Amino acid sequence: MKLDQFLKWQNLVSSGGEAKFLIKSGSVKVNGEIETRRGRKLNRGDKVMFLKNELIFE
């Protein structure tokens, strides 16, 4: 699953445009590192940090 789709699936953003903006602005971390690619493929066990929420992709 792509990072922007994951944020939408978790109901953390209301639209793909919002996800794109927040990812590009550096508000999202994957495995502790800032990720600015909205198409970043997530792998099982990846930790996504967004607005003080830590989610694990399974």
PDB file of N, CA and C in Angstrom:
ATOM      1  N   MET A   1       0.855  -1.177   0.000  1.00  0.00           N
ATOM      2  CA  MET A   1       0.000   0.000   0.000  1.00  0.00           C
ATOM      3  C   MET A   1       0.898   1.236   0.000  1.00  0.00           C
ATOM      4  N   LYS A   2       0.462   2.253  -0.715  1.00  0.00           N
ATOM      5  CA  LYS A   2       1.222   3.496  -0.760  1.00  0.00           C
ATOM      6  C   LYS A   2       0.928   4.339   0.482  1.00  0.00           C
ATOM      7  N   LEU A   3       1.890   5.181   0.832  1.00  0.00           N
ATOM      8  CA  LEU A   3       1.798   5.992   2.042  1.00  0.00           C
ATOM      9  C   LEU A   3       0.552   6.875   2.053  1.00  0.00           C
ATOM     10  N   ASP A   4       0.260   7.561   0.952  1.00  0.00           N
ATOM     11  CA  ASP A   4      -0.918   8.437   0.938  1.00  0.00           C
ATOM     12  C   ASP A   4      -2.207   7.638   1.097  1.00  0.00           C
ATOM     13  N   GLN A   5      -2.270   6.457   0.498  1.00  0.00           N
ATOM     14  CA  GLN A   5      -3.451   5.604   0.639  1.00  0.00           C
ATOM     15  C   GLN A   5      -3.604   5.123   2.077  1.00  0.00           C
ATOM     16  N   PHE A   6      -2.476   4.820   2.719  1.00  0.00           N
ATOM     17  CA  PHE A   6      -2.503   4.356   4.108  1.00  0.00           C
ATOM     18  C   PHE A   6      -3.071   5.423   5.034  1.00  0.00           C
ATOM     19  N   LEU A   7      -2.671   6.684   4.839  1.00  0.00           N
ATOM     20  CA  LEU A   7      -3.183   7.768   5.681  1.00  0.00           C
ATOM     21  C   LEU A   7      -4.696   7.923   5.500  1.00  0.00           C
ATOM     22  N   LYS A   8      -5.166   7.780   4.267  1.00  0.00           N
ATOM     23  CA  LYS A   8      -6.607   7.854   4.012  1.00  0.00           C
ATOM     24  C   LYS A   8      -7.323   6.659   4.626  1.00  0.00           C
ATOM     25  N   TRP A   9      -6.765   5.472   4.481  1.00  0.00           N
ATOM     26  CA  TRP A   9      -7.352   4.236   4.997  1.00  0.00           C
ATOM     27  C   TRP A   9      -7.491   4.279   6.520  1.00  0.00           C
ATOM     28  N   GLN A  10      -6.539   4.936   7.181  1.00  0.00           N
ATOM     29  CA  GLN A  10      -6.571   5.061   8.640  1.00  0.00           C
ATOM     30  C   GLN A  10      -7.423   6.248   9.105  1.00  0.00           C
ATOM     31  N   ASN A  11      -8.062   6.934   8.162  1.00  0.00           N
ATOM     32  CA  ASN A  11      -8.902   8.103   8.459  1.00  0.00           C
ATOM     33  C   ASN A  11      -8.136   9.226   9.154  1.00  0.00           C
ATOM     34  N   LEU A  12      -6.864   9.378   8.817  1.00  0.00           N
ATOM     35  CA  LEU A  12      -6.054  10.456   9.373  1.00  0.00           C
ATOM     36  C   LEU A  12      -6.140  11.714   8.515  1.00  0.00           C
ATOM     37  N   VAL A  13      -6.540  11.547   7.260  1.00  0.00           N
ATOM     38  CA  VAL A  13      -6.752  12.668   6.350  1.00  0.00           C
ATOM     39  C   VAL A  13      -8.084  12.441   5.648  1.00  0.00           C
ATOM     40  N   SER A  14      -8.668  13.522   5.143  1.00  0.00           N
ATOM     41  CA  SER A  14      -9.982  13.402   4.509  1.00  0.00           C
ATOM     42  C   SER A  14      -9.901  13.234   2.997  1.00  0.00           C
ATOM     43  N   SER A  15      -8.737  13.528   2.400  1.00  0.00           N
ATOM     44  CA  SER A  15      -8.629  13.418   0.947  1.00  0.00           C
ATOM     45  C   SER A  15      -7.197  13.108   0.539  1.00  0.00           C
ATOM     46  N   GLY A  16      -7.059  12.673  -0.702  1.00  0.00           N
ATOM     47  CA  GLY A  16      -5.732  12.413  -1.233  1.00  0.00           C
ATOM     48  C   GLY A  16      -4.907  13.676  -1.342  1.00  0.00           C
ATOM     49  N   GLY A  17      -5.570  14.788  -1.657  1.00  0.00           N
ATOM     50  CA  GLY A  17      -4.873  16.069  -1.745  1.00  0.00           C
ATOM     51  C   GLY A  17      -4.303  16.491  -0.409  1.00  0.00           C
ATOM     52  N   GLU A  18      -5.068  16.267   0.648  1.00  0.00           N
ATOM     53  CA  GLU A  18      -4.591  16.599   1.991  1.00  0.00           C
ATOM     54  C   GLU A  18      -3.394  15.721   2.351  1.00  0.00           C
ATOM     55  N   ALA A  19      -3.475  14.437   2.023  1.00  0.00           N
ATOM     56  CA  ALA A  19      -2.370  13.517   2.293  1.00  0.00           C
ATOM     57  C   ALA A  19      -1.122  13.966   1.547  1.00  0.00           C
ATOM     58  N   LYS A  20      -1.277  14.315   0.279  1.00  0.00           N
ATOM     59  CA  LYS A  20      -0.150  14.759  -0.546  1.00  0.00           C
ATOM     60  C   LYS A  20       0.516  15.984   0.069  1.00  0.00           C
ATOM     61  N   PHE A  21      -0.290  16.967   0.474  1.00  0.00           N
ATOM     62  CA  PHE A  21       0.240  18.199   1.063  1.00  0.00           C
ATOM     63  C   PHE A  21       1.025  17.904   2.347  1.00  0.00           C
ATOM     64  N   LEU A  22       0.448  17.098   3.230  1.00  0.00           N
ATOM     65  CA  LEU A  22       1.092  16.820   4.511  1.00  0.00           C
ATOM     66  C   LEU A  22       2.369  16.004   4.343  1.00  0.00           C
ATOM     67  N   ILE A  23       2.359  15.071   3.395  1.00  0.00           N
ATOM     68  CA  ILE A  23       3.565  14.282   3.147  1.00  0.00           C
ATOM     69  C   ILE A  23       4.662  15.171   2.578  1.00  0.00           C
ATOM     70  N   LYS A  24       4.327  15.988   1.582  1.00  0.00           N
ATOM     71  CA  LYS A  24       5.315  16.883   0.963  1.00  0.00           C
ATOM     72  C   LYS A  24       5.870  17.897   1.964  1.00  0.00           C
ATOM     73  N   SER A  25       5.073  18.281   2.966  1.00  0.00           N
ATOM     74  CA  SER A  25       5.519  19.278   3.943  1.00  0.00           C
ATOM     75  C   SER A  25       6.430  18.682   5.018  1.00  0.00           C
ATOM     76  N   GLY A  26       6.619  17.360   4.997  1.00  0.00           N
ATOM     77  CA  GLY A  26       7.516  16.728   5.964  1.00  0.00           C
ATOM     78  C   GLY A  26       6.854  16.376   7.276  1.00  0.00           C
ATOM     79  N   SER A  27       5.535  16.274   7.293  1.00  0.00           N
ATOM     80  CA  SER A  27       4.798  15.974   8.527  1.00  0.00           C
ATOM     81  C   SER A  27       4.683  14.489   8.839  1.00  0.00           C
ATOM     82  N   VAL A  28       5.185  13.643   7.944  1.00  0.00           N
ATOM     83  CA  VAL A  28       5.039  12.197   8.109  1.00  0.00           C
ATOM     84  C   VAL A  28       6.410  11.539   8.170  1.00  0.00           C
ATOM     85  N   LYS A  29       6.568  10.623   9.134  1.00  0.00           N
ATOM     86  CA  LYS A  29       7.805   9.854   9.238  1.00  0.00           C
ATOM     87  C   LYS A  29       7.486   8.382   9.023  1.00  0.00           C
ATOM     88  N   VAL A  30       8.389   7.700   8.341  1.00  0.00           N
ATOM     89  CA  VAL A  30       8.296   6.254   8.181  1.00  0.00           C
ATOM     90  C   VAL A  30       9.571   5.664   8.760  1.00  0.00           C
ATOM     91  N   ASN A  31       9.399   4.791   9.735  1.00  0.00           N
ATOM     92  CA  ASN A  31      10.541   4.163  10.421  1.00  0.00           C
ATOM     93  C   ASN A  31      11.522   5.200  10.963  1.00  0.00           C
ATOM     94  N   GLY A  32      10.979   6.296  11.504  1.00  0.00           N
ATOM     95  CA  GLY A  32      11.798   7.304  12.163  1.00  0.00           C
ATOM     96  C   GLY A  32      12.408   8.354  11.249  1.00  0.00           C
ATOM     97  N   GLU A  33      12.196   8.248   9.939  1.00  0.00           N
ATOM     98  CA  GLU A  33      12.763   9.219   9.009  1.00  0.00           C
ATOM     99  C   GLU A  33      11.661   9.948   8.257  1.00  0.00           C
ATOM    100  N   ILE A  34      11.837  11.251   8.063  1.00  0.00           N
ATOM    101  CA  ILE A  34      10.847  12.039   7.331  1.00  0.00           C
ATOM    102  C   ILE A  34      10.730  11.503   5.913  1.00  0.00           C
ATOM    103  N   GLU A  35       9.494  11.286   5.487  1.00  0.00           N
ATOM    104  CA  GLU A  35       9.234  10.761   4.145  1.00  0.00           C
ATOM    105  C   GLU A  35       8.426  11.788   3.363  1.00  0.00           C
ATOM    106  N   THR A  36       8.931  12.194   2.203  1.00  0.00           N
ATOM    107  CA  THR A  36       8.229  13.192   1.394  1.00  0.00           C
ATOM    108  C   THR A  36       7.682  12.617   0.095  1.00  0.00           C
ATOM    109  N   ARG A  37       7.807  11.307  -0.087  1.00  0.00           N
ATOM    110  CA  ARG A  37       7.272  10.661  -1.294  1.00  0.00           C
ATOM    111  C   ARG A  37       5.910  10.056  -0.967  1.00  0.00           C
ATOM    112  N   ARG A  38       4.862  10.597  -1.568  1.00  0.00           N
ATOM    113  CA  ARG A  38       3.524  10.087  -1.254  1.00  0.00           C
ATOM    114  C   ARG A  38       3.302   8.692  -1.798  1.00  0.00           C
ATOM    115  N   GLY A  39       4.059   8.307  -2.822  1.00  0.00           N
ATOM    116  CA  GLY A  39       3.926   6.988  -3.415  1.00  0.00           C
ATOM    117  C   GLY A  39       4.807   5.940  -2.767  1.00  0.00           C
ATOM    118  N   ARG A  40       5.413   6.273  -1.633  1.00  0.00           N
ATOM    119  CA  ARG A  40       6.308   5.345  -0.922  1.00  0.00           C
ATOM    120  C   ARG A  40       5.548   4.081  -0.575  1.00  0.00           C
ATOM    121  N   LYS A  41       6.033   2.950  -1.040  1.00  0.00           N
ATOM    122  CA  LYS A  41       5.390   1.670  -0.737  1.00  0.00           C
ATOM    123  C   LYS A  41       5.718   1.283   0.698  1.00  0.00           C
ATOM    124  N   LEU A  42       4.693   0.915   1.449  1.00  0.00           N
ATOM    125  CA  LEU A  42       4.892   0.474   2.822  1.00  0.00           C
ATOM    126  C   LEU A  42       5.038  -1.041   2.843  1.00  0.00           C
ATOM    127  N   ASN A  43       5.930  -1.506   3.689  1.00  0.00           N
ATOM    128  CA  ASN A  43       6.138  -2.939   3.881  1.00  0.00           C
ATOM    129  C   ASN A  43       5.632  -3.332   5.251  1.00  0.00           C
ATOM    130  N   ARG A  44       5.317  -4.600   5.410  1.00  0.00           N
ATOM    131  CA  ARG A  44       4.848  -5.104   6.695  1.00  0.00           C
ATOM    132  C   ARG A  44       5.811  -4.711   7.812  1.00  0.00           C
ATOM    133  N   GLY A  45       5.269  -4.164   8.894  1.00  0.00           N
ATOM    134  CA  GLY A  45       6.094  -3.778  10.030  1.00  0.00           C
ATOM    135  C   GLY A  45       6.594  -2.343   9.996  1.00  0.00           C
ATOM    136  N   ASP A  46       6.379  -1.620   8.887  1.00  0.00           N
ATOM    137  CA  ASP A  46       6.789  -0.217   8.828  1.00  0.00           C
ATOM    138  C   ASP A  46       6.007   0.592   9.857  1.00  0.00           C
ATOM    139  N   LYS A  47       6.705   1.503  10.525  1.00  0.00           N
ATOM    140  CA  LYS A  47       6.070   2.375  11.514  1.00  0.00           C
ATOM    141  C   LYS A  47       5.869   3.751  10.898  1.00  0.00           C
ATOM    142  N   VAL A  48       4.624   4.204  10.897  1.00  0.00           N
ATOM    143  CA  VAL A  48       4.282   5.507  10.332  1.00  0.00           C
ATOM    144  C   VAL A  48       3.919   6.439  11.480  1.00  0.00           C
ATOM    145  N   MET A  49       4.630   7.567  11.575  1.00  0.00           N
ATOM    146  CA  MET A  49       4.346   8.580  12.598  1.00  0.00           C
ATOM    147  C   MET A  49       3.696   9.777  11.917  1.00  0.00           C
ATOM    148  N   PHE A  50       2.536  10.168  12.439  1.00  0.00           N
ATOM    149  CA  PHE A  50       1.813  11.304  11.878  1.00  0.00           C
ATOM    150  C   PHE A  50       1.007  11.969  12.985  1.00  0.00           C
ATOM    151  N   LEU A  51       1.259  13.256  13.226  1.00  0.00           N
ATOM    152  CA  LEU A  51       0.547  14.025  14.258  1.00  0.00           C
ATOM    153  C   LEU A  51       0.438  13.269  15.577  1.00  0.00           C
ATOM    154  N   LYS A  52       1.564  12.823  16.087  1.00  0.00           N
ATOM    155  CA  LYS A  52       1.666  12.115  17.367  1.00  0.00           C
ATOM    156  C   LYS A  52       0.997  10.753  17.362  1.00  0.00           C
ATOM    157  N   ASN A  53       0.592  10.265  16.197  1.00  0.00           N
ATOM    158  CA  ASN A  53       0.045   8.918  16.070  1.00  0.00           C
ATOM    159  C   ASN A  53       1.127   8.015  15.509  1.00  0.00           C
ATOM    160  N   GLU A  54       1.341   6.878  16.150  1.00  0.00           N
ATOM    161  CA  GLU A  54       2.265   5.902  15.592  1.00  0.00           C
ATOM    162  C   GLU A  54       1.452   4.692  15.163  1.00  0.00           C
ATOM    163  N   LEU A  55       1.516   4.379  13.883  1.00  0.00           N
ATOM    164  CA  LEU A  55       0.763   3.272  13.327  1.00  0.00           C
ATOM    165  C   LEU A  55       1.738   2.286  12.701  1.00  0.00           C
ATOM    166  N   ILE A  56       1.419   1.009  12.813  1.00  0.00           N
ATOM    167  CA  ILE A  56       2.262  -0.020  12.203  1.00  0.00           C
ATOM    168  C   ILE A  56       1.497  -0.643  11.055  1.00  0.00           C
ATOM    169  N   PHE A  57       2.132  -0.653   9.886  1.00  0.00           N
ATOM    170  CA  PHE A  57       1.508  -1.239   8.699  1.00  0.00           C
ATOM    171  C   PHE A  57       1.650  -2.755   8.768  1.00  0.00           C
ATOM    172  N   GLU A  58       0.516  -3.441   8.713  1.00  0.00           N
ATOM    173  CA  GLU A  58       0.529  -4.913   8.774  1.00  0.00           C
ATOM    174  C   GLU A  58      -0.151  -5.510   7.585  1.00  0.00           C
TER     175      GLU A  58
END
